[in-house]
Amino acid sequence: MKRKSTFSAIGGYQPFLFCVGMYFVALFFSIFICSAIFYAVNPKSEVSKSGSTGPEKTAMIGSGKQVLLTVANK
C-alpha cells in the first residue's frame, strides 16, 4: 500500500515561506514606524495651527513639572 505524501512537499517550502512571512511582518512594522516618525516631525496643519491661535496656558501636575496646555476655541 503506497501512501500519498502531499504534506511533505510543503515542508520543502518552509524556509522560503518563513522568509516571505518575515519580510511582510517587517514591512508592516516599518510602515507604522516610518509614519510615526514622519508625523512627529511634520504634524498635520490643523494640529499645528490650533496651538498658535490662542494663548498657551501652563498647568501644574502632581510631580511639579510644567505642562503646556492649549485650549481650542470653537
Protein backbone atom coordinates (compact mmCIF):
# COMPACT_ATOMS: atom_id res chain seq x y z
CA MET A 1 0.00 0.00 0.00
CA LYS A 2 1.50 3.28 -1.11
CA ARG A 3 0.99 6.45 0.90
CA LYS A 4 0.30 9.78 -0.75
CA SER A 5 2.57 12.32 0.80
CA THR A 6 1.41 15.77 -0.18
CA PHE A 7 2.22 17.36 3.17
CA SER A 8 5.94 16.58 2.96
CA ALA A 9 6.17 18.61 -0.24
CA ILE A 10 5.07 21.67 1.72
CA GLY A 11 7.91 21.07 4.19
CA GLY A 12 10.44 21.87 1.48
CA TYR A 13 8.97 25.34 1.12
CA GLN A 14 9.11 26.10 4.83
CA PRO A 15 12.30 28.23 4.79
CA PHE A 16 11.02 30.17 1.78
CA LEU A 17 7.61 30.75 3.36
CA PHE A 18 9.29 31.81 6.61
CA CYS A 19 11.43 34.39 4.80
CA VAL A 20 8.43 35.73 2.88
CA GLY A 21 6.40 35.92 6.09
CA MET A 22 9.16 37.73 7.95
CA TYR A 23 9.52 40.14 5.04
CA PHE A 24 5.85 41.09 5.22
CA VAL A 25 5.96 41.41 9.02
CA ALA A 26 8.99 43.71 8.78
CA LEU A 27 7.31 45.71 6.02
CA PHE A 28 4.13 46.05 8.09
CA PHE A 29 6.00 47.33 11.16
CA SER A 30 8.27 49.62 9.14
CA ILE A 31 5.23 51.39 7.66
CA PHE A 32 3.99 52.21 11.17
CA ILE A 33 7.42 53.23 12.44
CA CYS A 34 8.16 55.47 9.45
CA SER A 35 4.72 57.08 9.54
CA ALA A 36 5.07 57.73 13.28
CA ILE A 37 8.44 59.43 12.72
CA PHE A 38 7.05 61.40 9.77
CA TYR A 39 4.02 62.70 11.70
CA ALA A 40 6.21 63.53 14.70
CA VAL A 41 8.46 65.70 12.52
CA ASN A 42 5.72 67.09 10.25
CA PRO A 43 2.47 67.43 12.23
CA LYS A 44 -0.81 67.94 10.43
CA SER A 45 -1.59 71.57 9.64
CA GLU A 46 -4.78 71.68 11.71
CA VAL A 47 -2.96 70.43 14.80
CA SER A 48 -0.06 72.86 14.43
CA LYS A 49 -2.36 75.83 13.69
CA SER A 50 -4.67 75.21 16.66
CA GLY A 51 -1.79 75.64 19.12
CA SER A 52 -0.79 79.05 17.76
CA THR A 53 -4.27 80.65 17.62
CA GLY A 54 -4.87 81.06 21.32
CA PRO A 55 -2.74 81.89 24.32
CA GLU A 56 -0.90 78.98 25.85
CA LYS A 57 -1.53 78.20 29.50
CA THR A 58 0.61 76.13 31.83
CA ALA A 59 -0.81 73.61 34.26
CA MET A 60 0.89 72.07 37.25
CA ILE A 61 0.64 68.33 37.71
CA GLY A 62 1.33 66.36 40.87
CA SER A 63 5.06 65.96 40.29
CA GLY A 64 5.67 69.71 39.97
CA LYS A 65 6.53 69.66 36.26
CA GLN A 66 5.07 72.29 33.96
CA VAL A 67 2.99 71.09 31.04
CA LEU A 68 1.79 73.32 28.21
CA LEU A 69 -1.96 73.23 27.73
CA THR A 70 -3.77 74.70 24.74
CA VAL A 71 -7.50 75.26 24.66
CA ALA A 72 -9.21 75.20 21.29
CA ASN A 73 -11.81 77.91 20.77
CA LYS A 74 -14.70 76.76 18.64
